[in-house]
Amino acid sequence: SSASMAKLGKNENVNTDIIVRICQALQCDTSDI
């Protein structure tokens, strides 16, 4: 969601599920983002 993206933009904590989805979409590891 755009709300999750806003949290990322503010360097706020997000659910690990969000991090996993981003890594899958970008084909990268958590340390890459």
All heavy atoms as atom14 arrays in JSON, in Angstrom:
{
  "sequence": "SSASMAKLGKNENVNTDIIVRICQALQCDTSDI",
  "atom14_mask": [
    [1, 1, 1, 1, 1, 1, 0, 0, 0, 0, 0, 0, 0, 0],
    [1, 1, 1, 1, 1, 1, 0, 0, 0, 0, 0, 0, 0, 0],
    [1, 1, 1, 1, 1, 0, 0, 0, 0, 0, 0, 0, 0, 0],
    [1, 1, 1, 1, 1, 1, 0, 0, 0, 0, 0, 0, 0, 0],
    [1, 1, 1, 1, 1, 1, 1, 1, 0, 0, 0, 0, 0, 0],
    [1, 1, 1, 1, 1, 0, 0, 0, 0, 0, 0, 0, 0, 0],
    [1, 1, 1, 1, 1, 1, 1, 1, 1, 0, 0, 0, 0, 0],
    [1, 1, 1, 1, 1, 1, 1, 1, 0, 0, 0, 0, 0, 0],
    [1, 1, 1, 1, 0, 0, 0, 0, 0, 0, 0, 0, 0, 0],
    [1, 1, 1, 1, 1, 1, 1, 1, 1, 0, 0, 0, 0, 0],
    [1, 1, 1, 1, 1, 1, 1, 1, 0, 0, 0, 0, 0, 0],
    [1, 1, 1, 1, 1, 1, 1, 1, 1, 0, 0, 0, 0, 0],
    [1, 1, 1, 1, 1, 1, 1, 1, 0, 0, 0, 0, 0, 0],
    [1, 1, 1, 1, 1, 1, 1, 0, 0, 0, 0, 0, 0, 0],
    [1, 1, 1, 1, 1, 1, 1, 1, 0, 0, 0, 0, 0, 0],
    [1, 1, 1, 1, 1, 1, 1, 0, 0, 0, 0, 0, 0, 0],
    [1, 1, 1, 1, 1, 1, 1, 1, 0, 0, 0, 0, 0, 0],
    [1, 1, 1, 1, 1, 1, 1, 1, 0, 0, 0, 0, 0, 0],
    [1, 1, 1, 1, 1, 1, 1, 1, 0, 0, 0, 0, 0, 0],
    [1, 1, 1, 1, 1, 1, 1, 0, 0, 0, 0, 0, 0, 0],
    [1, 1, 1, 1, 1, 1, 1, 1, 1, 1, 1, 0, 0, 0],
    [1, 1, 1, 1, 1, 1, 1, 1, 0, 0, 0, 0, 0, 0],
    [1, 1, 1, 1, 1, 1, 0, 0, 0, 0, 0, 0, 0, 0],
    [1, 1, 1, 1, 1, 1, 1, 1, 1, 0, 0, 0, 0, 0],
    [1, 1, 1, 1, 1, 0, 0, 0, 0, 0, 0, 0, 0, 0],
    [1, 1, 1, 1, 1, 1, 1, 1, 0, 0, 0, 0, 0, 0],
    [1, 1, 1, 1, 1, 1, 1, 1, 1, 0, 0, 0, 0, 0],
    [1, 1, 1, 1, 1, 1, 0, 0, 0, 0, 0, 0, 0, 0],
    [1, 1, 1, 1, 1, 1, 1, 1, 0, 0, 0, 0, 0, 0],
    [1, 1, 1, 1, 1, 1, 1, 0, 0, 0, 0, 0, 0, 0],
    [1, 1, 1, 1, 1, 1, 0, 0, 0, 0, 0, 0, 0, 0],
    [1, 1, 1, 1, 1, 1, 1, 1, 0, 0, 0, 0, 0, 0],
    [1, 1, 1, 1, 1, 1, 1, 1, 0, 0, 0, 0, 0, 0]
  ],
  "atom14_positions": [
    [[0.82, -1.21, 0.0], [0.0, 0.0, 0.0], [0.86, 1.26, 0.0], [2.04, 1.24, 0.34], [-0.9, 0.02, 1.24], [-0.11, 0.18, 2.4], [0.0, 0.0, 0.0], [0.0, 0.0, 0.0], [0.0, 0.0, 0.0], [0.0, 0.0, 0.0], [0.0, 0.0, 0.0], [0.0, 0.0, 0.0], [0.0, 0.0, 0.0], [0.0, 0.0, 0.0]],
    [[0.22, 2.36, -0.36], [0.92, 3.64, -0.32], [1.24, 4.04, 1.12], [2.22, 4.74, 1.37], [0.09, 4.73, -1.01], [-1.18, 4.82, -0.41], [0.0, 0.0, 0.0], [0.0, 0.0, 0.0], [0.0, 0.0, 0.0], [0.0, 0.0, 0.0], [0.0, 0.0, 0.0], [0.0, 0.0, 0.0], [0.0, 0.0, 0.0], [0.0, 0.0, 0.0]],
    [[0.44, 3.56, 2.07], [0.71, 3.83, 3.49], [2.01, 3.16, 3.92], [2.82, 3.76, 4.64], [-0.45, 3.35, 4.35], [0.0, 0.0, 0.0], [0.0, 0.0, 0.0], [0.0, 0.0, 0.0], [0.0, 0.0, 0.0], [0.0, 0.0, 0.0], [0.0, 0.0, 0.0], [0.0, 0.0, 0.0], [0.0, 0.0, 0.0], [0.0, 0.0, 0.0]],
    [[2.23, 1.94, 3.46], [3.49, 1.25, 3.77], [4.66, 1.96, 3.12], [5.73, 2.09, 3.71], [3.44, -0.21, 3.29], [2.48, -0.94, 4.02], [0.0, 0.0, 0.0], [0.0, 0.0, 0.0], [0.0, 0.0, 0.0], [0.0, 0.0, 0.0], [0.0, 0.0, 0.0], [0.0, 0.0, 0.0], [0.0, 0.0, 0.0], [0.0, 0.0, 0.0]],
    [[4.46, 2.43, 1.9], [5.52, 3.15, 1.2], [5.85, 4.45, 1.94], [7.02, 4.83, 2.05], [5.1, 3.45, -0.24], [6.19, 4.07, -1.07], [7.71, 3.11, -1.19], [7.18, 1.74, -2.16], [0.0, 0.0, 0.0], [0.0, 0.0, 0.0], [0.0, 0.0, 0.0], [0.0, 0.0, 0.0], [0.0, 0.0, 0.0], [0.0, 0.0, 0.0]],
    [[4.82, 5.1, 2.49], [5.04, 6.33, 3.26], [5.87, 6.04, 4.51], [6.76, 6.81, 4.87], [3.71, 6.97, 3.63], [0.0, 0.0, 0.0], [0.0, 0.0, 0.0], [0.0, 0.0, 0.0], [0.0, 0.0, 0.0], [0.0, 0.0, 0.0], [0.0, 0.0, 0.0], [0.0, 0.0, 0.0], [0.0, 0.0, 0.0], [0.0, 0.0, 0.0]],
    [[5.59, 4.91, 5.17], [6.38, 4.53, 6.34], [7.83, 4.29, 5.96], [8.74, 4.68, 6.69], [5.8, 3.26, 6.99], [4.58, 3.48, 7.81], [4.18, 2.19, 8.5], [3.05, 2.43, 9.48], [2.75, 1.2, 10.24], [0.0, 0.0, 0.0], [0.0, 0.0, 0.0], [0.0, 0.0, 0.0], [0.0, 0.0, 0.0], [0.0, 0.0, 0.0]],
    [[8.05, 3.64, 4.84], [9.41, 3.4, 4.38], [10.12, 4.73, 4.11], [11.29, 4.89, 4.44], [9.4, 2.55, 3.1], [8.98, 1.09, 3.26], [8.71, 0.47, 1.9], [10.03, 0.3, 4.01], [0.0, 0.0, 0.0], [0.0, 0.0, 0.0], [0.0, 0.0, 0.0], [0.0, 0.0, 0.0], [0.0, 0.0, 0.0], [0.0, 0.0, 0.0]],
    [[9.39, 5.66, 3.53], [9.96, 6.97, 3.22], [10.37, 7.75, 4.46], [11.26, 8.59, 4.4], [0.0, 0.0, 0.0], [0.0, 0.0, 0.0], [0.0, 0.0, 0.0], [0.0, 0.0, 0.0], [0.0, 0.0, 0.0], [0.0, 0.0, 0.0], [0.0, 0.0, 0.0], [0.0, 0.0, 0.0], [0.0, 0.0, 0.0], [0.0, 0.0, 0.0]],
    [[9.74, 7.43, 5.59], [10.05, 8.1, 6.85], [10.98, 7.26, 7.72], [11.19, 7.58, 8.89], [8.76, 8.37, 7.63], [7.82, 9.32, 6.92], [6.52, 9.45, 7.7], [5.5, 10.26, 6.93], [4.2, 10.26, 7.62], [0.0, 0.0, 0.0], [0.0, 0.0, 0.0], [0.0, 0.0, 0.0], [0.0, 0.0, 0.0], [0.0, 0.0, 0.0]],
    [[11.53, 6.18, 7.15], [12.4, 5.25, 7.87], [11.72, 4.69, 9.12], [12.37, 4.46, 10.14], [13.74, 5.9, 8.24], [14.63, 6.09, 7.04], [14.62, 5.29, 6.11], [15.4, 7.15, 7.04], [0.0, 0.0, 0.0], [0.0, 0.0, 0.0], [0.0, 0.0, 0.0], [0.0, 0.0, 0.0], [0.0, 0.0, 0.0], [0.0, 0.0, 0.0]],
    [[10.42, 4.46, 9.02], [9.68, 3.87, 10.13], [9.65, 2.35, 9.98], [9.91, 1.81, 8.91], [8.24, 4.41, 10.16], [8.16, 5.89, 10.47], [6.74, 6.41, 10.47], [5.8, 5.64, 10.18], [6.56, 7.61, 10.74], [0.0, 0.0, 0.0], [0.0, 0.0, 0.0], [0.0, 0.0, 0.0], [0.0, 0.0, 0.0], [0.0, 0.0, 0.0]],
    [[9.32, 1.67, 11.07], [9.24, 0.22, 11.03], [8.04, -0.23, 10.2], [6.98, 0.37, 10.28], [9.1, -0.34, 12.45], [10.34, -0.12, 13.28], [11.44, -0.04, 12.75], [10.16, -0.02, 14.58], [0.0, 0.0, 0.0], [0.0, 0.0, 0.0], [0.0, 0.0, 0.0], [0.0, 0.0, 0.0], [0.0, 0.0, 0.0], [0.0, 0.0, 0.0]],
    [[8.27, -1.28, 9.42], [7.18, -1.9, 8.66], [7.2, -3.4, 8.94], [8.21, -3.95, 9.4], [7.3, -1.65, 7.14], [7.12, -0.2, 6.8], [8.61, -2.17, 6.59], [0.0, 0.0, 0.0], [0.0, 0.0, 0.0], [0.0, 0.0, 0.0], [0.0, 0.0, 0.0], [0.0, 0.0, 0.0], [0.0, 0.0, 0.0], [0.0, 0.0, 0.0]],
    [[6.11, -4.05, 8.66], [5.99, -5.49, 8.86], [7.02, -6.22, 8.0], [7.3, -5.81, 6.87], [4.56, -5.88, 8.45], [4.21, -7.28, 8.84], [4.95, -8.21, 8.55], [3.06, -7.43, 9.49], [0.0, 0.0, 0.0], [0.0, 0.0, 0.0], [0.0, 0.0, 0.0], [0.0, 0.0, 0.0], [0.0, 0.0, 0.0], [0.0, 0.0, 0.0]],
    [[7.55, -7.31, 8.53], [8.53, -8.07, 7.76], [7.95, -8.63, 6.47], [8.68, -8.82, 5.49], [9.13, -9.23, 8.59], [8.07, -10.0, 9.14], [10.01, -8.7, 9.7], [0.0, 0.0, 0.0], [0.0, 0.0, 0.0], [0.0, 0.0, 0.0], [0.0, 0.0, 0.0], [0.0, 0.0, 0.0], [0.0, 0.0, 0.0], [0.0, 0.0, 0.0]],
    [[6.63, -8.84, 6.42], [5.98, -9.3, 5.19], [6.19, -8.28, 4.07], [6.4, -8.65, 2.92], [4.49, -9.53, 5.44], [3.76, -10.0, 4.2], [4.21, -11.03, 3.62], [2.78, -9.36, 3.8], [0.0, 0.0, 0.0], [0.0, 0.0, 0.0], [0.0, 0.0, 0.0], [0.0, 0.0, 0.0], [0.0, 0.0, 0.0], [0.0, 0.0, 0.0]],
    [[6.15, -7.01, 4.42], [6.37, -5.94, 3.42], [7.79, -6.03, 2.88], [8.02, -5.93, 1.67], [6.12, -4.55, 4.05], [4.71, -4.43, 4.62], [6.44, -3.44, 3.06], [3.61, -4.54, 3.61], [0.0, 0.0, 0.0], [0.0, 0.0, 0.0], [0.0, 0.0, 0.0], [0.0, 0.0, 0.0], [0.0, 0.0, 0.0], [0.0, 0.0, 0.0]],
    [[8.75, -6.22, 3.78], [10.15, -6.33, 3.37], [10.34, -7.53, 2.44], [11.02, -7.43, 1.41], [11.08, -6.46, 4.61], [10.93, -5.25, 5.53], [12.53, -6.68, 4.2], [11.32, -3.94, 4.93], [0.0, 0.0, 0.0], [0.0, 0.0, 0.0], [0.0, 0.0, 0.0], [0.0, 0.0, 0.0], [0.0, 0.0, 0.0], [0.0, 0.0, 0.0]],
    [[9.73, -8.65, 2.78], [9.84, -9.86, 1.95], [9.24, -9.62, 0.57], [9.83, -10.0, -0.45], [9.16, -11.07, 2.64], [9.04, -12.25, 1.7], [9.92, -11.45, 3.9], [0.0, 0.0, 0.0], [0.0, 0.0, 0.0], [0.0, 0.0, 0.0], [0.0, 0.0, 0.0], [0.0, 0.0, 0.0], [0.0, 0.0, 0.0], [0.0, 0.0, 0.0]],
    [[8.08, -8.98, 0.51], [7.45, -8.69, -0.79], [8.34, -7.8, -1.66], [8.45, -8.01, -2.87], [6.1, -8.01, -0.58], [5.03, -8.91, -0.07], [3.72, -8.17, -0.13], [2.78, -8.66, 0.84], [1.59, -8.14, 1.04], [1.2, -7.09, 0.33], [0.77, -8.64, 1.92], [0.0, 0.0, 0.0], [0.0, 0.0, 0.0], [0.0, 0.0, 0.0]],
    [[8.95, -6.79, -1.03], [9.84, -5.89, -1.78], [11.03, -6.67, -2.31], [11.41, -6.53, -3.48], [10.29, -4.72, -0.89], [9.1, -3.79, -0.62], [11.44, -3.95, -1.54], [9.37, -2.72, 0.43], [0.0, 0.0, 0.0], [0.0, 0.0, 0.0], [0.0, 0.0, 0.0], [0.0, 0.0, 0.0], [0.0, 0.0, 0.0], [0.0, 0.0, 0.0]],
    [[11.63, -7.51, -1.47], [12.79, -8.29, -1.9], [12.43, -9.25, -3.03], [13.21, -9.41, -3.97], [13.37, -9.06, -0.72], [14.21, -8.01, 0.48], [0.0, 0.0, 0.0], [0.0, 0.0, 0.0], [0.0, 0.0, 0.0], [0.0, 0.0, 0.0], [0.0, 0.0, 0.0], [0.0, 0.0, 0.0], [0.0, 0.0, 0.0], [0.0, 0.0, 0.0]],
    [[11.26, -9.86, -2.96], [10.83, -10.74, -4.04], [10.61, -9.97, -5.34], [11.02, -10.41, -6.41], [9.55, -11.48, -3.65], [9.77, -12.53, -2.59], [8.48, -13.17, -2.1], [7.41, -12.57, -2.19], [8.58, -14.37, -1.57], [0.0, 0.0, 0.0], [0.0, 0.0, 0.0], [0.0, 0.0, 0.0], [0.0, 0.0, 0.0], [0.0, 0.0, 0.0]],
    [[9.99, -8.8, -5.24], [9.71, -8.01, -6.43], [11.0, -7.5, -7.09], [11.1, -7.46, -8.32], [8.8, -6.83, -6.07], [0.0, 0.0, 0.0], [0.0, 0.0, 0.0], [0.0, 0.0, 0.0], [0.0, 0.0, 0.0], [0.0, 0.0, 0.0], [0.0, 0.0, 0.0], [0.0, 0.0, 0.0], [0.0, 0.0, 0.0], [0.0, 0.0, 0.0]],
    [[11.98, -7.14, -6.26], [13.23, -6.59, -6.79], [14.31, -7.66, -6.95], [15.41, -7.35, -7.4], [13.74, -5.48, -5.87], [12.85, -4.25, -5.76], [13.43, -3.27, -4.75], [12.66, -3.58, -7.11], [0.0, 0.0, 0.0], [0.0, 0.0, 0.0], [0.0, 0.0, 0.0], [0.0, 0.0, 0.0], [0.0, 0.0, 0.0], [0.0, 0.0, 0.0]],
    [[13.98, -8.9, -6.57], [14.91, -10.02, -6.65], [16.22, -9.68, -5.95], [17.31, -9.69, -6.54], [15.16, -10.44, -8.09], [13.91, -10.91, -8.78], [14.12, -11.27, -10.23], [15.08, -10.84, -10.85], [13.22, -12.07, -10.77], [0.0, 0.0, 0.0], [0.0, 0.0, 0.0], [0.0, 0.0, 0.0], [0.0, 0.0, 0.0], [0.0, 0.0, 0.0]],
    [[16.1, -9.33, -4.66], [17.26, -8.95, -3.88], [17.13, -9.5, -2.46], [16.16, -10.18, -2.13], [17.41, -7.44, -3.86], [16.08, -6.58, -3.0], [0.0, 0.0, 0.0], [0.0, 0.0, 0.0], [0.0, 0.0, 0.0], [0.0, 0.0, 0.0], [0.0, 0.0, 0.0], [0.0, 0.0, 0.0], [0.0, 0.0, 0.0], [0.0, 0.0, 0.0]],
    [[18.09, -9.2, -1.63], [18.12, -9.62, -0.24], [17.79, -8.43, 0.66], [17.91, -7.27, 0.22], [19.51, -10.17, 0.09], [19.55, -10.87, 1.43], [18.7, -11.73, 1.7], [20.44, -10.54, 2.23], [0.0, 0.0, 0.0], [0.0, 0.0, 0.0], [0.0, 0.0, 0.0], [0.0, 0.0, 0.0], [0.0, 0.0, 0.0], [0.0, 0.0, 0.0]],
    [[17.44, -8.69, 1.9], [17.1, -7.6, 2.82], [18.26, -6.63, 2.99], [18.05, -5.43, 3.13], [16.68, -8.13, 4.2], [17.7, -8.97, 4.71], [15.38, -8.92, 4.11], [0.0, 0.0, 0.0], [0.0, 0.0, 0.0], [0.0, 0.0, 0.0], [0.0, 0.0, 0.0], [0.0, 0.0, 0.0], [0.0, 0.0, 0.0], [0.0, 0.0, 0.0]],
    [[19.48, -7.13, 2.98], [20.64, -6.25, 3.15], [20.84, -5.31, 1.96], [21.57, -4.33, 2.06], [21.91, -7.07, 3.38], [22.18, -7.89, 2.26], [0.0, 0.0, 0.0], [0.0, 0.0, 0.0], [0.0, 0.0, 0.0], [0.0, 0.0, 0.0], [0.0, 0.0, 0.0], [0.0, 0.0, 0.0], [0.0, 0.0, 0.0], [0.0, 0.0, 0.0]],
    [[20.17, -5.61, 0.84], [20.25, -4.75, -0.34], [19.32, -3.55, -0.26], [19.46, -2.6, -1.03], [19.92, -5.54, -1.61], [20.91, -6.65, -1.89], [22.1, -6.46, -1.6], [20.49, -7.71, -2.41], [0.0, 0.0, 0.0], [0.0, 0.0, 0.0], [0.0, 0.0, 0.0], [0.0, 0.0, 0.0], [0.0, 0.0, 0.0], [0.0, 0.0, 0.0]],
    [[18.35, -3.59, 0.68], [17.37, -2.51, 0.73], [17.32, -1.77, 2.06], [16.71, -0.71, 2.15], [15.94, -3.02, 0.4], [15.45, -4.01, 1.44], [15.9, -3.58, -1.01], [13.98, -4.33, 1.32], [0.0, 0.0, 0.0], [0.0, 0.0, 0.0], [0.0, 0.0, 0.0], [0.0, 0.0, 0.0], [0.0, 0.0, 0.0], [0.0, 0.0, 0.0]]
  ]
}
